[in-house]
Amino acid sequence: MQMQCSKSSLSLARRRLVELMQDLNFGRIERMEVLDGQPVFEPPPRIVREIKFGAQNGPRPEAALRDFVLKAQLVEFFARLDTLGDGVIERLEVQHGLPFRIVVEEAAA
């Protein structure tokens, strides 16, 4: 049985990334460095925001919450960061404030 994770159980860097994704809502985070499974914000990643006309373009409503249980996409994403260890996420696609797809740079085996 899988244990539930909450936002408050995350490291400061991971909480910051969750908040960034919630604020972005739809778009991409590009060229984000990862050290020991933790997102790095220096140098800052490139943020590309999608704006849909006739739609809600502001931050996610959850952004106002201090704590909440993480959705499965976030748990899976952070497990990937743990597996990655050190590296670069070329592109993290965000939909509805959640990680949707990542493109990761890897060295050839």
PDB file of N, CA and C in Angstrom:
ATOM      1  N   MET A   1       0.843  -1.193   0.000  1.00  0.00           N
ATOM      2  CA  MET A   1       0.000   0.000   0.000  1.00  0.00           C
ATOM      3  C   MET A   1       0.883   1.249   0.000  1.00  0.00           C
ATOM      4  N   GLN A   2       0.604   2.175  -0.888  1.00  0.00           N
ATOM      5  CA  GLN A   2       1.418   3.387  -1.029  1.00  0.00           C
ATOM      6  C   GLN A   2       1.024   4.432   0.011  1.00  0.00           C
ATOM      7  N   MET A   3       2.057   5.021   0.642  1.00  0.00           N
ATOM      8  CA  MET A   3       1.821   6.055   1.630  1.00  0.00           C
ATOM      9  C   MET A   3       1.472   7.368   0.921  1.00  0.00           C
ATOM     10  N   GLN A   4       0.546   8.125   1.515  1.00  0.00           N
ATOM     11  CA  GLN A   4       0.198   9.418   0.938  1.00  0.00           C
ATOM     12  C   GLN A   4       1.252  10.444   1.309  1.00  0.00           C
ATOM     13  N   CYS A   5       1.606  11.270   0.344  1.00  0.00           N
ATOM     14  CA  CYS A   5       2.564  12.355   0.559  1.00  0.00           C
ATOM     15  C   CYS A   5       1.798  13.674   0.559  1.00  0.00           C
ATOM     16  N   SER A   6       2.268  14.593   1.381  1.00  0.00           N
ATOM     17  CA  SER A   6       1.656  15.911   1.391  1.00  0.00           C
ATOM     18  C   SER A   6       2.696  16.951   0.989  1.00  0.00           C
ATOM     19  N   LYS A   7       2.213  18.116   0.633  1.00  0.00           N
ATOM     20  CA  LYS A   7       3.112  19.201   0.251  1.00  0.00           C
ATOM     21  C   LYS A   7       4.084  19.518   1.378  1.00  0.00           C
ATOM     22  N   SER A   8       3.594  19.501   2.618  1.00  0.00           N
ATOM     23  CA  SER A   8       4.455  19.857   3.750  1.00  0.00           C
ATOM     24  C   SER A   8       5.578  18.846   3.985  1.00  0.00           C
ATOM     25  N   SER A   9       5.435  17.635   3.438  1.00  0.00           N
ATOM     26  CA  SER A   9       6.487  16.622   3.617  1.00  0.00           C
ATOM     27  C   SER A   9       7.632  16.794   2.615  1.00  0.00           C
ATOM     28  N   LEU A  10       7.469  17.692   1.646  1.00  0.00           N
ATOM     29  CA  LEU A  10       8.478  17.899   0.609  1.00  0.00           C
ATOM     30  C   LEU A  10       9.594  18.818   1.092  1.00  0.00           C
ATOM     31  N   SER A  11      10.747  18.701   0.438  1.00  0.00           N
ATOM     32  CA  SER A  11      11.845  19.640   0.703  1.00  0.00           C
ATOM     33  C   SER A  11      11.415  21.032   0.245  1.00  0.00           C
ATOM     34  N   LEU A  12      12.122  22.042   0.699  1.00  0.00           N
ATOM     35  CA  LEU A  12      11.820  23.421   0.319  1.00  0.00           C
ATOM     36  C   LEU A  12      11.884  23.591  -1.205  1.00  0.00           C
ATOM     37  N   ALA A  13      12.896  23.001  -1.858  1.00  0.00           N
ATOM     38  CA  ALA A  13      13.045  23.122  -3.317  1.00  0.00           C
ATOM     39  C   ALA A  13      11.872  22.470  -4.044  1.00  0.00           C
ATOM     40  N   ARG A  14      11.429  21.310  -3.563  1.00  0.00           N
ATOM     41  CA  ARG A  14      10.299  20.632  -4.210  1.00  0.00           C
ATOM     42  C   ARG A  14       8.997  21.391  -3.971  1.00  0.00           C
ATOM     43  N   ARG A  15       8.821  21.957  -2.772  1.00  0.00           N
ATOM     44  CA  ARG A  15       7.627  22.792  -2.526  1.00  0.00           C
ATOM     45  C   ARG A  15       7.620  23.991  -3.460  1.00  0.00           C
ATOM     46  N   ARG A  16       8.782  24.598  -3.643  1.00  0.00           N
ATOM     47  CA  ARG A  16       8.889  25.752  -4.549  1.00  0.00           C
ATOM     48  C   ARG A  16       8.494  25.356  -5.970  1.00  0.00           C
ATOM     49  N   LEU A  17       8.914  24.159  -6.406  1.00  0.00           N
ATOM     50  CA  LEU A  17       8.560  23.703  -7.749  1.00  0.00           C
ATOM     51  C   LEU A  17       7.064  23.434  -7.858  1.00  0.00           C
ATOM     52  N   VAL A  18       6.461  22.832  -6.844  1.00  0.00           N
ATOM     53  CA  VAL A  18       5.008  22.606  -6.846  1.00  0.00           C
ATOM     54  C   VAL A  18       4.284  23.946  -6.972  1.00  0.00           C
ATOM     55  N   GLU A  19       4.711  24.931  -6.205  1.00  0.00           N
ATOM     56  CA  GLU A  19       4.089  26.259  -6.253  1.00  0.00           C
ATOM     57  C   GLU A  19       4.281  26.917  -7.615  1.00  0.00           C
ATOM     58  N   LEU A  20       5.458  26.732  -8.215  1.00  0.00           N
ATOM     59  CA  LEU A  20       5.709  27.272  -9.551  1.00  0.00           C
ATOM     60  C   LEU A  20       4.769  26.635 -10.576  1.00  0.00           C
ATOM     61  N   MET A  21       4.596  25.314 -10.500  1.00  0.00           N
ATOM     62  CA  MET A  21       3.695  24.634 -11.433  1.00  0.00           C
ATOM     63  C   MET A  21       2.252  25.090 -11.226  1.00  0.00           C
ATOM     64  N   GLN A  22       1.836  25.276  -9.958  1.00  0.00           N
ATOM     65  CA  GLN A  22       0.472  25.737  -9.691  1.00  0.00           C
ATOM     66  C   GLN A  22       0.257  27.149 -10.224  1.00  0.00           C
ATOM     67  N   ASP A  23       1.277  28.000 -10.082  1.00  0.00           N
ATOM     68  CA  ASP A  23       1.170  29.367 -10.596  1.00  0.00           C
ATOM     69  C   ASP A  23       1.146  29.367 -12.122  1.00  0.00           C
ATOM     70  N   LEU A  24       1.951  28.522 -12.735  1.00  0.00           N
ATOM     71  CA  LEU A  24       2.019  28.435 -14.193  1.00  0.00           C
ATOM     72  C   LEU A  24       0.711  27.889 -14.756  1.00  0.00           C
ATOM     73  N   ASN A  25       0.167  26.849 -14.153  1.00  0.00           N
ATOM     74  CA  ASN A  25      -1.071  26.189 -14.546  1.00  0.00           C
ATOM     75  C   ASN A  25      -0.930  25.455 -15.879  1.00  0.00           C
ATOM     76  N   PHE A  26      -0.631  26.159 -16.962  1.00  0.00           N
ATOM     77  CA  PHE A  26      -0.392  25.547 -18.271  1.00  0.00           C
ATOM     78  C   PHE A  26       0.868  26.154 -18.868  1.00  0.00           C
ATOM     79  N   GLY A  27       1.777  25.320 -19.316  1.00  0.00           N
ATOM     80  CA  GLY A  27       2.992  25.819 -19.950  1.00  0.00           C
ATOM     81  C   GLY A  27       4.148  24.845 -19.787  1.00  0.00           C
ATOM     82  N   ARG A  28       5.371  25.403 -19.810  1.00  0.00           N
ATOM     83  CA  ARG A  28       6.582  24.573 -19.742  1.00  0.00           C
ATOM     84  C   ARG A  28       7.612  25.224 -18.831  1.00  0.00           C
ATOM     85  N   ILE A  29       8.377  24.368 -18.180  1.00  0.00           N
ATOM     86  CA  ILE A  29       9.562  24.783 -17.442  1.00  0.00           C
ATOM     87  C   ILE A  29      10.722  24.112 -18.161  1.00  0.00           C
ATOM     88  N   GLU A  30      11.665  24.926 -18.629  1.00  0.00           N
ATOM     89  CA  GLU A  30      12.744  24.401 -19.467  1.00  0.00           C
ATOM     90  C   GLU A  30      14.105  24.590 -18.818  1.00  0.00           C
ATOM     91  N   ARG A  31      15.007  23.630 -19.113  1.00  0.00           N
ATOM     92  CA  ARG A  31      16.412  23.676 -18.679  1.00  0.00           C
ATOM     93  C   ARG A  31      16.540  23.792 -17.151  1.00  0.00           C
ATOM     94  N   MET A  32      15.814  22.940 -16.444  1.00  0.00           N
ATOM     95  CA  MET A  32      15.905  22.939 -14.984  1.00  0.00           C
ATOM     96  C   MET A  32      16.946  21.916 -14.551  1.00  0.00           C
ATOM     97  N   GLU A  33      17.925  22.395 -13.816  1.00  0.00           N
ATOM     98  CA  GLU A  33      18.944  21.507 -13.285  1.00  0.00           C
ATOM     99  C   GLU A  33      18.393  20.774 -12.070  1.00  0.00           C
ATOM    100  N   VAL A  34      18.879  19.531 -11.903  1.00  0.00           N
ATOM    101  CA  VAL A  34      18.492  18.696 -10.771  1.00  0.00           C
ATOM    102  C   VAL A  34      19.776  18.186 -10.128  1.00  0.00           C
ATOM    103  N   LEU A  35      19.915  18.405  -8.826  1.00  0.00           N
ATOM    104  CA  LEU A  35      21.072  17.906  -8.078  1.00  0.00           C
ATOM    105  C   LEU A  35      20.572  17.032  -6.942  1.00  0.00           C
ATOM    106  N   ASP A  36      21.039  15.792  -6.919  1.00  0.00           N
ATOM    107  CA  ASP A  36      20.647  14.833  -5.890  1.00  0.00           C
ATOM    108  C   ASP A  36      19.126  14.724  -5.784  1.00  0.00           C
ATOM    109  N   GLY A  37      18.452  14.742  -6.941  1.00  0.00           N
ATOM    110  CA  GLY A  37      17.003  14.601  -6.984  1.00  0.00           C
ATOM    111  C   GLY A  37      16.216  15.850  -6.634  1.00  0.00           C
ATOM    112  N   GLN A  38      16.920  16.952  -6.385  1.00  0.00           N
ATOM    113  CA  GLN A  38      16.254  18.196  -5.984  1.00  0.00           C
ATOM    114  C   GLN A  38      16.319  19.228  -7.117  1.00  0.00           C
ATOM    115  N   PRO A  39      15.198  19.905  -7.417  1.00  0.00           N
ATOM    116  CA  PRO A  39      15.241  20.957  -8.431  1.00  0.00           C
ATOM    117  C   PRO A  39      16.124  22.110  -7.971  1.00  0.00           C
ATOM    118  N   VAL A  40      16.834  22.700  -8.917  1.00  0.00           N
ATOM    119  CA  VAL A  40      17.742  23.813  -8.633  1.00  0.00           C
ATOM    120  C   VAL A  40      17.204  25.048  -9.350  1.00  0.00           C
ATOM    121  N   PHE A  41      17.179  26.177  -8.655  1.00  0.00           N
ATOM    122  CA  PHE A  41      16.626  27.402  -9.232  1.00  0.00           C
ATOM    123  C   PHE A  41      17.685  28.441  -9.556  1.00  0.00           C
ATOM    124  N   GLU A  42      18.961  28.103  -9.387  1.00  0.00           N
ATOM    125  CA  GLU A  42      20.073  28.975  -9.796  1.00  0.00           C
ATOM    126  C   GLU A  42      21.008  28.160 -10.659  1.00  0.00           C
ATOM    127  N   PRO A  43      21.117  28.412 -11.948  1.00  0.00           N
ATOM    128  CA  PRO A  43      20.431  29.471 -12.683  1.00  0.00           C
ATOM    129  C   PRO A  43      18.934  29.155 -12.798  1.00  0.00           C
ATOM    130  N   PRO A  44      18.127  30.203 -12.904  1.00  0.00           N
ATOM    131  CA  PRO A  44      16.680  29.967 -12.980  1.00  0.00           C
ATOM    132  C   PRO A  44      16.300  29.247 -14.272  1.00  0.00           C
ATOM    133  N   PRO A  45      15.325  28.330 -14.181  1.00  0.00           N
ATOM    134  CA  PRO A  45      14.843  27.688 -15.403  1.00  0.00           C
ATOM    135  C   PRO A  45      14.045  28.689 -16.236  1.00  0.00           C
ATOM    136  N   ARG A  46      13.873  28.363 -17.499  1.00  0.00           N
ATOM    137  CA  ARG A  46      13.064  29.204 -18.401  1.00  0.00           C
ATOM    138  C   ARG A  46      11.607  28.803 -18.242  1.00  0.00           C
ATOM    139  N   ILE A  47      10.736  29.786 -18.081  1.00  0.00           N
ATOM    140  CA  ILE A  47       9.300  29.545 -17.905  1.00  0.00           C
ATOM    141  C   ILE A  47       8.574  30.006 -19.167  1.00  0.00           C
ATOM    142  N   VAL A  48       7.762  29.123 -19.736  1.00  0.00           N
ATOM    143  CA  VAL A  48       6.964  29.440 -20.917  1.00  0.00           C
ATOM    144  C   VAL A  48       5.505  29.215 -20.536  1.00  0.00           C
ATOM    145  N   ARG A  49       4.737  30.284 -20.449  1.00  0.00           N
ATOM    146  CA  ARG A  49       3.334  30.223 -20.020  1.00  0.00           C
ATOM    147  C   ARG A  49       2.416  30.127 -21.236  1.00  0.00           C
ATOM    148  N   GLU A  50       1.441  29.213 -21.168  1.00  0.00           N
ATOM    149  CA  GLU A  50       0.400  29.123 -22.187  1.00  0.00           C
ATOM    150  C   GLU A  50      -0.804  29.919 -21.703  1.00  0.00           C
ATOM    151  N   ILE A  51      -1.349  30.733 -22.590  1.00  0.00           N
ATOM    152  CA  ILE A  51      -2.548  31.513 -22.265  1.00  0.00           C
ATOM    153  C   ILE A  51      -3.630  31.104 -23.250  1.00  0.00           C
ATOM    154  N   LYS A  52      -4.733  30.613 -22.721  1.00  0.00           N
ATOM    155  CA  LYS A  52      -5.843  30.173 -23.553  1.00  0.00           C
ATOM    156  C   LYS A  52      -6.955  31.206 -23.460  1.00  0.00           C
ATOM    157  N   PHE A  53      -7.357  31.725 -24.584  1.00  0.00           N
ATOM    158  CA  PHE A  53      -8.415  32.728 -24.608  1.00  0.00           C
ATOM    159  C   PHE A  53      -9.751  32.089 -24.243  1.00  0.00           C
ATOM    160  N   GLY A  54     -10.513  32.789 -23.417  1.00  0.00           N
ATOM    161  CA  GLY A  54     -11.812  32.289 -22.990  1.00  0.00           C
ATOM    162  C   GLY A  54     -11.718  31.231 -21.904  1.00  0.00           C
ATOM    163  N   ALA A  55     -10.546  31.073 -21.292  1.00  0.00           N
ATOM    164  CA  ALA A  55     -10.356  30.051 -20.260  1.00  0.00           C
ATOM    165  C   ALA A  55      -9.784  30.695 -18.997  1.00  0.00           C
ATOM    166  N   GLN A  56      -9.769  29.936 -17.920  1.00  0.00           N
ATOM    167  CA  GLN A  56      -9.156  30.384 -16.671  1.00  0.00           C
ATOM    168  C   GLN A  56      -7.639  30.307 -16.825  1.00  0.00           C
ATOM    169  N   ASN A  57      -6.956  31.443 -16.773  1.00  0.00           N
ATOM    170  CA  ASN A  57      -5.511  31.474 -16.982  1.00  0.00           C
ATOM    171  C   ASN A  57      -4.713  31.765 -15.714  1.00  0.00           C
ATOM    172  N   GLY A  58      -5.381  31.973 -14.607  1.00  0.00           N
ATOM    173  CA  GLY A  58      -4.674  32.288 -13.368  1.00  0.00           C
ATOM    174  C   GLY A  58      -4.102  31.049 -12.712  1.00  0.00           C
ATOM    175  N   PRO A  59      -3.532  31.241 -11.538  1.00  0.00           N
ATOM    176  CA  PRO A  59      -2.973  30.104 -10.808  1.00  0.00           C
ATOM    177  C   PRO A  59      -4.061  29.132 -10.367  1.00  0.00           C
ATOM    178  N   ARG A  60      -3.651  27.916 -10.047  1.00  0.00           N
ATOM    179  CA  ARG A  60      -4.559  26.890  -9.558  1.00  0.00           C
ATOM    180  C   ARG A  60      -5.143  27.305  -8.212  1.00  0.00           C
ATOM    181  N   PRO A  61      -6.393  26.925  -7.928  1.00  0.00           N
ATOM    182  CA  PRO A  61      -6.988  27.252  -6.628  1.00  0.00           C
ATOM    183  C   PRO A  61      -6.194  26.643  -5.459  1.00  0.00           C
ATOM    184  N   GLU A  62      -5.558  25.480  -5.685  1.00  0.00           N
ATOM    185  CA  GLU A  62      -4.783  24.819  -4.637  1.00  0.00           C
ATOM    186  C   GLU A  62      -3.585  25.655  -4.192  1.00  0.00           C
ATOM    187  N   ALA A  63      -3.163  26.605  -5.018  1.00  0.00           N
ATOM    188  CA  ALA A  63      -1.999  27.428  -4.695  1.00  0.00           C
ATOM    189  C   ALA A  63      -2.210  28.199  -3.390  1.00  0.00           C
ATOM    190  N   ALA A  64      -3.454  28.435  -3.022  1.00  0.00           N
ATOM    191  CA  ALA A  64      -3.747  29.181  -1.796  1.00  0.00           C
ATOM    192  C   ALA A  64      -3.682  28.296  -0.545  1.00  0.00           C
ATOM    193  N   LEU A  65      -3.598  26.982  -0.742  1.00  0.00           N
ATOM    194  CA  LEU A  65      -3.570  26.059   0.400  1.00  0.00           C
ATOM    195  C   LEU A  65      -2.151  25.892   0.923  1.00  0.00           C
ATOM    196  N   ARG A  66      -2.015  25.898   2.241  1.00  0.00           N
ATOM    197  CA  ARG A  66      -0.694  25.688   2.857  1.00  0.00           C
ATOM    198  C   ARG A  66      -0.241  24.239   2.702  1.00  0.00           C
ATOM    199  N   ASP A  67      -1.192  23.306   2.771  1.00  0.00           N
ATOM    200  CA  ASP A  67      -0.847  21.890   2.683  1.00  0.00           C
ATOM    201  C   ASP A  67      -1.977  21.133   2.011  1.00  0.00           C
ATOM    202  N   PHE A  68      -1.639  20.049   1.343  1.00  0.00           N
ATOM    203  CA  PHE A  68      -2.607  19.172   0.700  1.00  0.00           C
ATOM    204  C   PHE A  68      -1.904  17.877   0.331  1.00  0.00           C
ATOM    205  N   VAL A  69      -2.692  16.835   0.099  1.00  0.00           N
ATOM    206  CA  VAL A  69      -2.149  15.550  -0.332  1.00  0.00           C
ATOM    207  C   VAL A  69      -1.762  15.671  -1.802  1.00  0.00           C
ATOM    208  N   LEU A  70      -0.559  15.187  -2.141  1.00  0.00           N
ATOM    209  CA  LEU A  70      -0.073  15.281  -3.517  1.00  0.00           C
ATOM    210  C   LEU A  70      -0.815  14.316  -4.426  1.00  0.00           C
ATOM    211  N   LYS A  71      -1.142  14.779  -5.604  1.00  0.00           N
ATOM    212  CA  LYS A  71      -1.773  13.923  -6.611  1.00  0.00           C
ATOM    213  C   LYS A  71      -0.730  12.934  -7.149  1.00  0.00           C
ATOM    214  N   ALA A  72      -1.227  11.865  -7.750  1.00  0.00           N
ATOM    215  CA  ALA A  72      -0.361  10.785  -8.238  1.00  0.00           C
ATOM    216  C   ALA A  72       0.709  11.291  -9.214  1.00  0.00           C
ATOM    217  N   GLN A  73       0.362  12.280 -10.051  1.00  0.00           N
ATOM    218  CA  GLN A  73       1.337  12.790 -11.017  1.00  0.00           C
ATOM    219  C   GLN A  73       2.545  13.404 -10.312  1.00  0.00           C
ATOM    220  N   LEU A  74       2.316  14.116  -9.217  1.00  0.00           N
ATOM    221  CA  LEU A  74       3.420  14.727  -8.470  1.00  0.00           C
ATOM    222  C   LEU A  74       4.274  13.662  -7.795  1.00  0.00           C
ATOM    223  N   VAL A  75       3.632  12.659  -7.204  1.00  0.00           N
ATOM    224  CA  VAL A  75       4.375  11.576  -6.558  1.00  0.00           C
ATOM    225  C   VAL A  75       5.263  10.862  -7.583  1.00  0.00           C
ATOM    226  N   GLU A  76       4.701  10.554  -8.759  1.00  0.00           N
ATOM    227  CA  GLU A  76       5.465   9.888  -9.819  1.00  0.00           C
ATOM    228  C   GLU A  76       6.602  10.779 -10.327  1.00  0.00           C
ATOM    229  N   PHE A  77       6.330  12.064 -10.487  1.00  0.00           N
ATOM    230  CA  PHE A  77       7.350  13.004 -10.953  1.00  0.00           C
ATOM    231  C   PHE A  77       8.517  13.065  -9.975  1.00  0.00           C
ATOM    232  N   PHE A  78       8.229  13.188  -8.677  1.00  0.00           N
ATOM    233  CA  PHE A  78       9.311  13.269  -7.700  1.00  0.00           C
ATOM    234  C   PHE A  78      10.071  11.946  -7.593  1.00  0.00           C
ATOM    235  N   ALA A  79       9.403  10.819  -7.823  1.00  0.00           N
ATOM    236  CA  ALA A  79      10.105   9.529  -7.878  1.00  0.00           C
ATOM    237  C   ALA A  79      11.085   9.514  -9.052  1.00  0.00           C
ATOM    238  N   ARG A  80      10.692  10.124 -10.177  1.00  0.00           N
ATOM    239  CA  ARG A  80      11.598  10.247 -11.334  1.00  0.00           C
ATOM    240  C   ARG A  80      12.802  11.106 -10.987  1.00  0.00           C
ATOM    241  N   LEU A  81      12.581  12.207 -10.268  1.00  0.00           N
ATOM    242  CA  LEU A  81      13.703  13.055  -9.864  1.00  0.00           C
ATOM    243  C   LEU A  81      14.664  12.272  -8.981  1.00  0.00           C
ATOM    244  N   ASP A  82      14.120  11.451  -8.077  1.00  0.00           N
ATOM    245  CA  ASP A  82      14.971  10.621  -7.225  1.00  0.00           C
ATOM    246  C   ASP A  82      15.821   9.677  -8.068  1.00  0.00           C
ATOM    247  N   THR A  83      15.219   9.091  -9.105  1.00  0.00           N
ATOM    248  CA  THR A  83      15.929   8.182 -10.000  1.00  0.00           C
ATOM    249  C   THR A  83      16.974   8.930 -10.825  1.00  0.00           C
ATOM    250  N   LEU A  84      16.631  10.130 -11.270  1.00  0.00           N
ATOM    251  CA  LEU A  84      17.540  10.945 -12.077  1.00  0.00           C
ATOM    252  C   LEU A  84      18.784  11.320 -11.280  1.00  0.00           C
ATOM    253  N   GLY A  85      18.602  11.684 -10.030  1.00  0.00           N
ATOM    254  CA  GLY A  85      19.743  12.100  -9.214  1.00  0.00           C
ATOM    255  C   GLY A  85      20.256  13.457  -9.652  1.00  0.00           C
ATOM    256  N   ASP A  86      21.296  13.457 -10.491  1.00  0.00           N
ATOM    257  CA  ASP A  86      21.854  14.692 -11.056  1.00  0.00           C
ATOM    258  C   ASP A  86      21.583  14.702 -12.553  1.00  0.00           C
ATOM    259  N   GLY A  87      21.126  15.831 -13.072  1.00  0.00           N
ATOM    260  CA  GLY A  87      20.863  15.924 -14.499  1.00  0.00           C
ATOM    261  C   GLY A  87      20.159  17.215 -14.851  1.00  0.00           C
ATOM    262  N   VAL A  88      19.590  17.212 -16.041  1.00  0.00           N
ATOM    263  CA  VAL A  88      18.883  18.392 -16.536  1.00  0.00           C
ATOM    264  C   VAL A  88      17.544  17.941 -17.118  1.00  0.00           C
ATOM    265  N   ILE A  89      16.481  18.603 -16.676  1.00  0.00           N
ATOM    266  CA  ILE A  89      15.181  18.405 -17.317  1.00  0.00           C
ATOM    267  C   ILE A  89      15.120  19.433 -18.428  1.00  0.00           C
ATOM    268  N   GLU A  90      15.177  18.951 -19.655  1.00  0.00           N
ATOM    269  CA  GLU A  90      15.116  19.854 -20.807  1.00  0.00           C
ATOM    270  C   GLU A  90      13.772  20.563 -20.867  1.00  0.00           C
ATOM    271  N   ARG A  91      12.700  19.780 -20.608  1.00  0.00           N
ATOM    272  CA  ARG A  91      11.362  20.375 -20.683  1.00  0.00           C
ATOM    273  C   ARG A  91      10.432  19.621 -19.742  1.00  0.00           C
ATOM    274  N   LEU A  92       9.753  20.367 -18.894  1.00  0.00           N
ATOM    275  CA  LEU A  92       8.705  19.838 -18.027  1.00  0.00           C
ATOM    276  C   LEU A  92       7.411  20.501 -18.473  1.00  0.00           C
ATOM    277  N   GLU A  93       6.515  19.714 -19.036  1.00  0.00           N
ATOM    278  CA  GLU A  93       5.230  20.250 -19.481  1.00  0.00           C
ATOM    279  C   GLU A  93       4.251  20.199 -18.314  1.00  0.00           C
ATOM    280  N   VAL A  94       3.555  21.306 -18.099  1.00  0.00           N
ATOM    281  CA  VAL A  94       2.628  21.456 -16.978  1.00  0.00           C
ATOM    282  C   VAL A  94       1.222  21.660 -17.535  1.00  0.00           C
ATOM    283  N   GLN A  95       0.287  20.854 -17.048  1.00  0.00           N
ATOM    284  CA  GLN A  95      -1.126  21.002 -17.416  1.00  0.00           C
ATOM    285  C   GLN A  95      -1.956  20.944 -16.148  1.00  0.00           C
ATOM    286  N   HIS A  96      -2.846  21.897 -15.975  1.00  0.00           N
ATOM    287  CA  HIS A  96      -3.685  21.995 -14.777  1.00  0.00           C
ATOM    288  C   HIS A  96      -2.823  22.054 -13.518  1.00  0.00           C
ATOM    289  N   GLY A  97      -1.651  22.689 -13.616  1.00  0.00           N
ATOM    290  CA  GLY A  97      -0.780  22.856 -12.465  1.00  0.00           C
ATOM    291  C   GLY A  97      -0.016  21.608 -12.054  1.00  0.00           C
ATOM    292  N   LEU A  98      -0.091  20.555 -12.880  1.00  0.00           N
ATOM    293  CA  LEU A  98       0.563  19.281 -12.572  1.00  0.00           C
ATOM    294  C   LEU A  98       1.579  18.911 -13.641  1.00  0.00           C
ATOM    295  N   PRO A  99       2.611  18.151 -13.260  1.00  0.00           N
ATOM    296  CA  PRO A  99       3.565  17.690 -14.270  1.00  0.00           C
ATOM    297  C   PRO A  99       2.851  16.724 -15.213  1.00  0.00           C
ATOM    298  N   PHE A 100       3.016  16.943 -16.504  1.00  0.00           N
ATOM    299  CA  PHE A 100       2.344  16.115 -17.507  1.00  0.00           C
ATOM    300  C   PHE A 100       3.333  15.242 -18.259  1.00  0.00           C
ATOM    301  N   ARG A 101       4.469  15.835 -18.629  1.00  0.00           N
ATOM    302  CA  ARG A 101       5.474  15.117 -19.422  1.00  0.00           C
ATOM    303  C   ARG A 101       6.822  15.787 -19.185  1.00  0.00           C
ATOM    304  N   ILE A 102       7.897  14.980 -19.130  1.00  0.00           N
ATOM    305  CA  ILE A 102       9.235  15.553 -19.045  1.00  0.00           C
ATOM    306  C   ILE A 102      10.102  14.996 -20.164  1.00  0.00           C
ATOM    307  N   VAL A 103      11.027  15.823 -20.582  1.00  0.00           N
ATOM    308  CA  VAL A 103      12.080  15.426 -21.524  1.00  0.00           C
ATOM    309  C   VAL A 103      13.384  15.619 -20.754  1.00  0.00           C
ATOM    310  N   VAL A 104      14.146  14.532 -20.606  1.00  0.00           N
ATOM    311  CA  VAL A 104      15.338  14.553 -19.776  1.00  0.00           C
ATOM    312  C   VAL A 104      16.574  14.280 -20.628  1.00  0.00           C
ATOM    313  N   GLU A 105      17.621  15.058 -20.368  1.00  0.00           N
ATOM    314  CA  GLU A 105      18.912  14.851 -21.023  1.00  0.00           C
ATOM    315  C   GLU A 105      19.649  13.743 -20.294  1.00  0.00           C
ATOM    316  N   GLU A 106      20.131  12.740 -21.037  1.00  0.00           N
ATOM    317  CA  GLU A 106      20.881  11.642 -20.435  1.00  0.00           C
ATOM    318  C   GLU A 106      22.156  11.393 -21.226  1.00  0.00           C
ATOM    319  N   ALA A 107      23.167  10.879 -20.551  1.00  0.00           N
ATOM    320  CA  ALA A 107      24.406  10.486 -21.232  1.00  0.00           C
ATOM    321  C   ALA A 107      24.196   9.125 -21.878  1.00  0.00           C
ATOM    322  N   ALA A 108      24.848   8.914 -23.020  1.00  0.00           N
ATOM    323  CA  ALA A 108      24.749   7.616 -23.703  1.00  0.00           C
ATOM    324  C   ALA A 108      25.435   6.544 -22.846  1.00  0.00           C
ATOM    325  N   ALA A 109      24.842   5.353 -22.863  1.00  0.00           N
ATOM    326  CA  ALA A 109      25.388   4.239 -22.053  1.00  0.00           C
ATOM    327  C   ALA A 109      26.636   3.661 -22.700  1.00  0.00           C
TER     328      ALA A 109
END
